[in-house]
Amino acid sequence: MIRPLRILVLVLAIAAPGYAQTLPAWEVFGGYSWQRSNLREYFKSTPIIYSVRNKGGSLNGFDVAFTENVNSWFGGTLDITGHFAAPEISGVKTHQSMYTFTYGPRFAYRERGVLMGFGHVLAGVAHATAKVTPTGPHADDTSFALAVGAGFDMKFRGNTAIRILQAEYLHANSLGANHNNVRISAGIILTFGEK
């Protein structure tokens, strides 16, 4: 237990001198994302593959965000995500996907150190698809989406940082299902320009 703690302290100490005291004009984030989803609710129309036991599912995908910093604590974020799964339910192959396109304010807490905390409220649209492959019932739907979340970034070196964790509550009403789920992301941030 002591060794991992020492390694973490060493990484933070090495990264600290690289923490830029200037505010970047733009931050571009890209990384892995996991989302809990109720897309399987669509399959109520196909009782042979629907059951209460498997009405929810896990989707894996990507998260890409572009943030323009207005000042040290406020900015605007455009967030684009895509999540996918192809589970076999009761022996039947299905395909589920959800894309979200959202924009909204981001509030940051920056200290003269390595870590930065942030929170955001993003609104936009969600596009969901659920289908049985290769032939079978399928549907596409677009609805309002709301993502409220927070996270932590760690400055690494130069124009790079690591998004340690971004956790969000995601609400959408795609395919007749009321999605009130969790989305978690992590990845790399590149910064551009100075304010």
C-alpha atoms as a PDB file:
ATOM      1  CA  MET A   1       0.000   0.000   0.000  1.00  0.00           C
ATOM      2  CA  ILE A   2       2.886   2.378   0.761  1.00  0.00           C
ATOM      3  CA  ARG A   3       4.498   1.877  -2.659  1.00  0.00           C
ATOM      4  CA  PRO A   4       1.441   2.989  -4.723  1.00  0.00           C
ATOM      5  CA  LEU A   5       1.071   6.014  -2.434  1.00  0.00           C
ATOM      6  CA  ARG A   6       4.719   6.969  -2.993  1.00  0.00           C
ATOM      7  CA  ILE A   7       4.298   6.586  -6.770  1.00  0.00           C
ATOM      8  CA  LEU A   8       1.224   8.855  -6.716  1.00  0.00           C
ATOM      9  CA  VAL A   9       3.080  11.503  -4.687  1.00  0.00           C
ATOM     10  CA  LEU A  10       6.030  11.287  -7.120  1.00  0.00           C
ATOM     11  CA  VAL A  11       3.742  11.730 -10.178  1.00  0.00           C
ATOM     12  CA  LEU A  12       2.061  14.741  -8.567  1.00  0.00           C
ATOM     13  CA  ALA A  13       5.430  16.272  -7.661  1.00  0.00           C
ATOM     14  CA  ILE A  14       6.748  15.823 -11.199  1.00  0.00           C
ATOM     15  CA  ALA A  15       3.573  17.268 -12.729  1.00  0.00           C
ATOM     16  CA  ALA A  16       3.397  20.294 -10.414  1.00  0.00           C
ATOM     17  CA  PRO A  17       6.165  22.334 -12.087  1.00  0.00           C
ATOM     18  CA  GLY A  18       4.446  21.826 -15.426  1.00  0.00           C
ATOM     19  CA  TYR A  19       1.201  23.356 -14.157  1.00  0.00           C
ATOM     20  CA  ALA A  20       0.650  26.462 -16.228  1.00  0.00           C
ATOM     21  CA  GLN A  21      -0.220  29.570 -14.229  1.00  0.00           C
ATOM     22  CA  THR A  22      -1.759  31.085 -17.366  1.00  0.00           C
ATOM     23  CA  LEU A  23      -5.329  30.321 -18.304  1.00  0.00           C
ATOM     24  CA  PRO A  24      -5.758  28.352 -21.548  1.00  0.00           C
ATOM     25  CA  ALA A  25      -8.215  29.859 -24.030  1.00  0.00           C
ATOM     26  CA  TRP A  26      -9.400  26.411 -25.206  1.00  0.00           C
ATOM     27  CA  GLU A  27      -9.440  22.904 -23.757  1.00  0.00           C
ATOM     28  CA  VAL A  28     -10.120  19.847 -25.934  1.00  0.00           C
ATOM     29  CA  PHE A  29     -10.980  16.621 -24.119  1.00  0.00           C
ATOM     30  CA  GLY A  30     -11.184  13.136 -25.604  1.00  0.00           C
ATOM     31  CA  GLY A  31     -11.524   9.810 -23.871  1.00  0.00           C
ATOM     32  CA  TYR A  32     -13.378   6.665 -22.885  1.00  0.00           C
ATOM     33  CA  SER A  33     -16.897   6.855 -21.517  1.00  0.00           C
ATOM     34  CA  TRP A  34     -19.284   4.375 -19.853  1.00  0.00           C
ATOM     35  CA  GLN A  35     -23.021   4.937 -19.634  1.00  0.00           C
ATOM     36  CA  ARG A  36     -25.881   3.116 -17.949  1.00  0.00           C
ATOM     37  CA  SER A  37     -28.874   2.990 -20.288  1.00  0.00           C
ATOM     38  CA  ASN A  38     -32.546   2.042 -20.455  1.00  0.00           C
ATOM     39  CA  LEU A  39     -32.527   1.509 -24.234  1.00  0.00           C
ATOM     40  CA  ARG A  40     -33.699  -2.068 -23.723  1.00  0.00           C
ATOM     41  CA  GLU A  41     -37.084  -0.693 -22.643  1.00  0.00           C
ATOM     42  CA  TYR A  42     -37.738  -0.449 -26.381  1.00  0.00           C
ATOM     43  CA  PHE A  43     -37.785  -4.236 -26.583  1.00  0.00           C
ATOM     44  CA  LYS A  44     -41.037  -4.357 -24.571  1.00  0.00           C
ATOM     45  CA  SER A  45     -42.596  -4.587 -28.043  1.00  0.00           C
ATOM     46  CA  THR A  46     -40.760  -7.916 -28.458  1.00  0.00           C
ATOM     47  CA  PRO A  47     -41.627  -9.913 -25.299  1.00  0.00           C
ATOM     48  CA  ILE A  48     -39.468 -12.885 -26.309  1.00  0.00           C
ATOM     49  CA  ILE A  49     -36.304 -10.836 -25.686  1.00  0.00           C
ATOM     50  CA  TYR A  50     -37.570  -8.459 -22.986  1.00  0.00           C
ATOM     51  CA  SER A  51     -37.714  -9.084 -19.289  1.00  0.00           C
ATOM     52  CA  VAL A  52     -37.520  -6.870 -16.229  1.00  0.00           C
ATOM     53  CA  ARG A  53     -34.233  -8.593 -15.422  1.00  0.00           C
ATOM     54  CA  ASN A  54     -32.472  -7.130 -18.443  1.00  0.00           C
ATOM     55  CA  LYS A  55     -34.271  -3.818 -19.039  1.00  0.00           C
ATOM     56  CA  GLY A  56     -31.121  -1.798 -18.256  1.00  0.00           C
ATOM     57  CA  GLY A  57     -27.722  -2.147 -19.848  1.00  0.00           C
ATOM     58  CA  SER A  58     -24.194  -0.808 -19.957  1.00  0.00           C
ATOM     59  CA  LEU A  59     -22.922   1.056 -23.001  1.00  0.00           C
ATOM     60  CA  ASN A  60     -19.244   1.758 -23.766  1.00  0.00           C
ATOM     61  CA  GLY A  61     -18.091   4.589 -25.981  1.00  0.00           C
ATOM     62  CA  PHE A  62     -16.367   7.946 -26.329  1.00  0.00           C
ATOM     63  CA  ASP A  63     -16.654  11.489 -25.011  1.00  0.00           C
ATOM     64  CA  VAL A  64     -15.244  14.534 -26.836  1.00  0.00           C
ATOM     65  CA  ALA A  65     -15.602  18.047 -25.387  1.00  0.00           C
ATOM     66  CA  PHE A  66     -14.505  21.527 -26.469  1.00  0.00           C
ATOM     67  CA  THR A  67     -14.355  24.188 -23.749  1.00  0.00           C
ATOM     68  CA  GLU A  68     -13.764  27.903 -24.258  1.00  0.00           C
ATOM     69  CA  ASN A  69     -12.621  29.574 -21.039  1.00  0.00           C
ATOM     70  CA  VAL A  70     -14.082  33.057 -20.570  1.00  0.00           C
ATOM     71  CA  ASN A  71     -12.159  33.623 -17.331  1.00  0.00           C
ATOM     72  CA  SER A  72     -10.506  31.488 -14.631  1.00  0.00           C
ATOM     73  CA  TRP A  73     -13.813  30.122 -13.280  1.00  0.00           C
ATOM     74  CA  PHE A  74     -16.320  30.244 -16.152  1.00  0.00           C
ATOM     75  CA  GLY A  75     -16.515  28.830 -19.671  1.00  0.00           C
ATOM     76  CA  GLY A  76     -18.749  27.156 -22.235  1.00  0.00           C
ATOM     77  CA  THR A  77     -18.528  23.454 -23.129  1.00  0.00           C
ATOM     78  CA  LEU A  78     -19.727  21.613 -26.251  1.00  0.00           C
ATOM     79  CA  ASP A  79     -19.866  17.886 -25.450  1.00  0.00           C
ATOM     80  CA  ILE A  80     -20.354  15.050 -27.974  1.00  0.00           C
ATOM     81  CA  THR A  81     -20.696  11.437 -26.848  1.00  0.00           C
ATOM     82  CA  GLY A  82     -21.379   8.071 -28.458  1.00  0.00           C
ATOM     83  CA  HIS A  83     -22.171   4.868 -26.553  1.00  0.00           C
ATOM     84  CA  PHE A  84     -22.756   1.391 -27.965  1.00  0.00           C
ATOM     85  CA  ALA A  85     -23.577  -2.196 -27.003  1.00  0.00           C
ATOM     86  CA  ALA A  86     -24.454  -5.382 -28.896  1.00  0.00           C
ATOM     87  CA  PRO A  87     -25.775  -7.760 -26.238  1.00  0.00           C
ATOM     88  CA  GLU A  88     -27.357 -11.095 -26.935  1.00  0.00           C
ATOM     89  CA  ILE A  89     -30.671 -11.183 -25.087  1.00  0.00           C
ATOM     90  CA  SER A  90     -32.401 -14.568 -24.718  1.00  0.00           C
ATOM     91  CA  GLY A  91     -30.340 -15.839 -27.659  1.00  0.00           C
ATOM     92  CA  VAL A  92     -31.289 -12.903 -29.909  1.00  0.00           C
ATOM     93  CA  LYS A  93     -28.619 -10.435 -31.139  1.00  0.00           C
ATOM     94  CA  THR A  94     -29.433  -6.780 -30.523  1.00  0.00           C
ATOM     95  CA  HIS A  95     -27.686  -3.481 -31.173  1.00  0.00           C
ATOM     96  CA  GLN A  96     -28.122  -0.423 -28.971  1.00  0.00           C
ATOM     97  CA  SER A  97     -26.553   3.018 -29.329  1.00  0.00           C
ATOM     98  CA  MET A  98     -26.988   6.541 -28.010  1.00  0.00           C
ATOM     99  CA  TYR A  99     -25.356   9.768 -29.155  1.00  0.00           C
ATOM    100  CA  THR A 100     -25.649  13.052 -27.273  1.00  0.00           C
ATOM    101  CA  PHE A 101     -24.868  16.589 -28.469  1.00  0.00           C
ATOM    102  CA  THR A 102     -24.993  19.069 -25.587  1.00  0.00           C
ATOM    103  CA  TYR A 103     -23.761  22.556 -24.709  1.00  0.00           C
ATOM    104  CA  GLY A 104     -23.731  24.642 -21.554  1.00  0.00           C
ATOM    105  CA  PRO A 105     -21.804  26.521 -18.872  1.00  0.00           C
ATOM    106  CA  ARG A 106     -18.844  25.071 -17.005  1.00  0.00           C
ATOM    107  CA  PHE A 107     -17.676  26.338 -13.626  1.00  0.00           C
ATOM    108  CA  ALA A 108     -14.062  25.638 -12.609  1.00  0.00           C
ATOM    109  CA  TYR A 109     -12.132  25.848  -9.382  1.00  0.00           C
ATOM    110  CA  ARG A 110      -8.455  26.427 -10.136  1.00  0.00           C
ATOM    111  CA  GLU A 111      -5.812  26.471  -7.433  1.00  0.00           C
ATOM    112  CA  ARG A 112      -2.094  27.011  -7.830  1.00  0.00           C
ATOM    113  CA  GLY A 113      -1.496  23.306  -7.948  1.00  0.00           C
ATOM    114  CA  VAL A 114      -2.000  20.234 -10.039  1.00  0.00           C
ATOM    115  CA  LEU A 115      -5.730  19.540  -9.646  1.00  0.00           C
ATOM    116  CA  MET A 116      -8.685  21.487 -11.019  1.00  0.00           C
ATOM    117  CA  GLY A 117     -12.280  20.745 -10.098  1.00  0.00           C
ATOM    118  CA  PHE A 118     -15.211  21.619 -12.349  1.00  0.00           C
ATOM    119  CA  GLY A 119     -18.951  21.295 -12.701  1.00  0.00           C
ATOM    120  CA  HIS A 120     -21.230  21.761 -15.697  1.00  0.00           C
ATOM    121  CA  VAL A 121     -24.858  21.802 -16.811  1.00  0.00           C
ATOM    122  CA  LEU A 122     -25.259  20.757 -20.462  1.00  0.00           C
ATOM    123  CA  ALA A 123     -28.455  20.668 -22.529  1.00  0.00           C
ATOM    124  CA  GLY A 124     -29.092  19.443 -26.055  1.00  0.00           C
ATOM    125  CA  VAL A 125     -30.294  16.323 -27.847  1.00  0.00           C
ATOM    126  CA  ALA A 126     -29.903  12.557 -27.543  1.00  0.00           C
ATOM    127  CA  HIS A 127     -30.304  10.224 -30.501  1.00  0.00           C
ATOM    128  CA  ALA A 128     -30.946   6.570 -29.654  1.00  0.00           C
ATOM    129  CA  THR A 129     -31.160   3.434 -31.776  1.00  0.00           C
ATOM    130  CA  ALA A 130     -32.332  -0.030 -30.770  1.00  0.00           C
ATOM    131  CA  LYS A 131     -32.631  -2.944 -33.172  1.00  0.00           C
ATOM    132  CA  VAL A 132     -32.603  -6.693 -33.497  1.00  0.00           C
ATOM    133  CA  THR A 133     -30.028  -7.905 -36.021  1.00  0.00           C
ATOM    134  CA  PRO A 134     -29.845  -8.940 -38.798  1.00  0.00           C
ATOM    135  CA  THR A 135     -33.626  -8.542 -39.215  1.00  0.00           C
ATOM    136  CA  GLY A 136     -36.201  -7.655 -36.655  1.00  0.00           C
ATOM    137  CA  PRO A 137     -37.797  -4.700 -34.877  1.00  0.00           C
ATOM    138  CA  HIS A 138     -35.815  -1.485 -34.832  1.00  0.00           C
ATOM    139  CA  ALA A 139     -36.342   2.162 -33.950  1.00  0.00           C
ATOM    140  CA  ASP A 140     -34.535   5.510 -33.946  1.00  0.00           C
ATOM    141  CA  ASP A 141     -35.530   8.456 -31.800  1.00  0.00           C
ATOM    142  CA  THR A 142     -34.225  11.923 -30.963  1.00  0.00           C
ATOM    143  CA  SER A 143     -35.144  13.699 -27.742  1.00  0.00           C
ATOM    144  CA  PHE A 144     -34.087  16.421 -25.320  1.00  0.00           C
ATOM    145  CA  ALA A 145     -31.026  15.584 -23.198  1.00  0.00           C
ATOM    146  CA  LEU A 146     -29.680  17.084 -19.980  1.00  0.00           C
ATOM    147  CA  ALA A 147     -26.310  16.241 -18.417  1.00  0.00           C
ATOM    148  CA  VAL A 148     -25.324  17.591 -14.999  1.00  0.00           C
ATOM    149  CA  GLY A 149     -21.911  16.620 -13.734  1.00  0.00           C
ATOM    150  CA  ALA A 150     -18.586  17.345 -12.116  1.00  0.00           C
ATOM    151  CA  GLY A 151     -15.039  16.112 -12.304  1.00  0.00           C
ATOM    152  CA  PHE A 152     -11.324  16.557 -11.690  1.00  0.00           C
ATOM    153  CA  ASP A 153      -8.490  17.301 -14.098  1.00  0.00           C
ATOM    154  CA  MET A 154      -4.801  16.903 -13.298  1.00  0.00           C
ATOM    155  CA  LYS A 155      -2.276  19.059 -15.136  1.00  0.00           C
ATOM    156  CA  PHE A 156       0.500  16.918 -16.577  1.00  0.00           C
ATOM    157  CA  ARG A 157       3.083  18.714 -18.731  1.00  0.00           C
ATOM    158  CA  GLY A 158       3.022  21.587 -21.163  1.00  0.00           C
ATOM    159  CA  ASN A 159      -0.325  21.682 -22.938  1.00  0.00           C
ATOM    160  CA  THR A 160      -1.642  18.364 -21.621  1.00  0.00           C
ATOM    161  CA  ALA A 161      -3.757  17.294 -18.682  1.00  0.00           C
ATOM    162  CA  ILE A 162      -5.546  14.133 -17.580  1.00  0.00           C
ATOM    163  CA  ARG A 163      -9.253  14.027 -16.825  1.00  0.00           C
ATOM    164  CA  ILE A 164      -9.139  11.702 -13.844  1.00  0.00           C
ATOM    165  CA  LEU A 165     -12.905  11.468 -13.529  1.00  0.00           C
ATOM    166  CA  GLN A 166     -16.019  13.077 -14.944  1.00  0.00           C
ATOM    167  CA  ALA A 167     -19.279  11.792 -13.471  1.00  0.00           C
ATOM    168  CA  GLU A 168     -22.661  12.919 -14.782  1.00  0.00           C
ATOM    169  CA  TYR A 169     -26.381  12.425 -14.331  1.00  0.00           C
ATOM    170  CA  LEU A 170     -27.916  12.030 -17.814  1.00  0.00           C
ATOM    171  CA  HIS A 171     -31.600  12.541 -18.559  1.00  0.00           C
ATOM    172  CA  ALA A 172     -33.224  11.737 -21.933  1.00  0.00           C
ATOM    173  CA  ASN A 173     -36.586  10.413 -23.151  1.00  0.00           C
ATOM    174  CA  SER A 174     -35.514   8.410 -26.192  1.00  0.00           C
ATOM    175  CA  LEU A 175     -37.538   5.471 -27.528  1.00  0.00           C
ATOM    176  CA  GLY A 176     -40.302   5.912 -24.980  1.00  0.00           C
ATOM    177  CA  ALA A 177     -37.930   5.150 -22.103  1.00  0.00           C
ATOM    178  CA  ASN A 178     -37.258   7.627 -19.326  1.00  0.00           C
ATOM    179  CA  HIS A 179     -33.463   7.644 -19.070  1.00  0.00           C
ATOM    180  CA  ASN A 180     -32.188   8.856 -15.702  1.00  0.00           C
ATOM    181  CA  ASN A 181     -28.760   7.317 -15.702  1.00  0.00           C
ATOM    182  CA  VAL A 182     -25.097   7.715 -14.838  1.00  0.00           C
ATOM    183  CA  ARG A 183     -22.290   8.473 -17.288  1.00  0.00           C
ATOM    184  CA  ILE A 184     -18.586   8.309 -16.365  1.00  0.00           C
ATOM    185  CA  SER A 185     -15.679   9.491 -18.530  1.00  0.00           C
ATOM    186  CA  ALA A 186     -11.892   9.806 -18.338  1.00  0.00           C
ATOM    187  CA  GLY A 187      -9.175  10.729 -20.823  1.00  0.00           C
ATOM    188  CA  ILE A 188      -6.693  13.305 -22.096  1.00  0.00           C
ATOM    189  CA  ILE A 189      -7.010  17.099 -22.402  1.00  0.00           C
ATOM    190  CA  LEU A 190      -5.049  19.341 -24.775  1.00  0.00           C
ATOM    191  CA  THR A 191      -5.004  23.104 -24.159  1.00  0.00           C
ATOM    192  CA  PHE A 192      -4.583  25.869 -26.719  1.00  0.00           C
ATOM    193  CA  GLY A 193      -3.943  29.611 -26.498  1.00  0.00           C
ATOM    194  CA  GLU A 194      -3.868  31.848 -23.452  1.00  0.00           C
ATOM    195  CA  LYS A 195      -6.338  34.217 -21.804  1.00  0.00           C
END
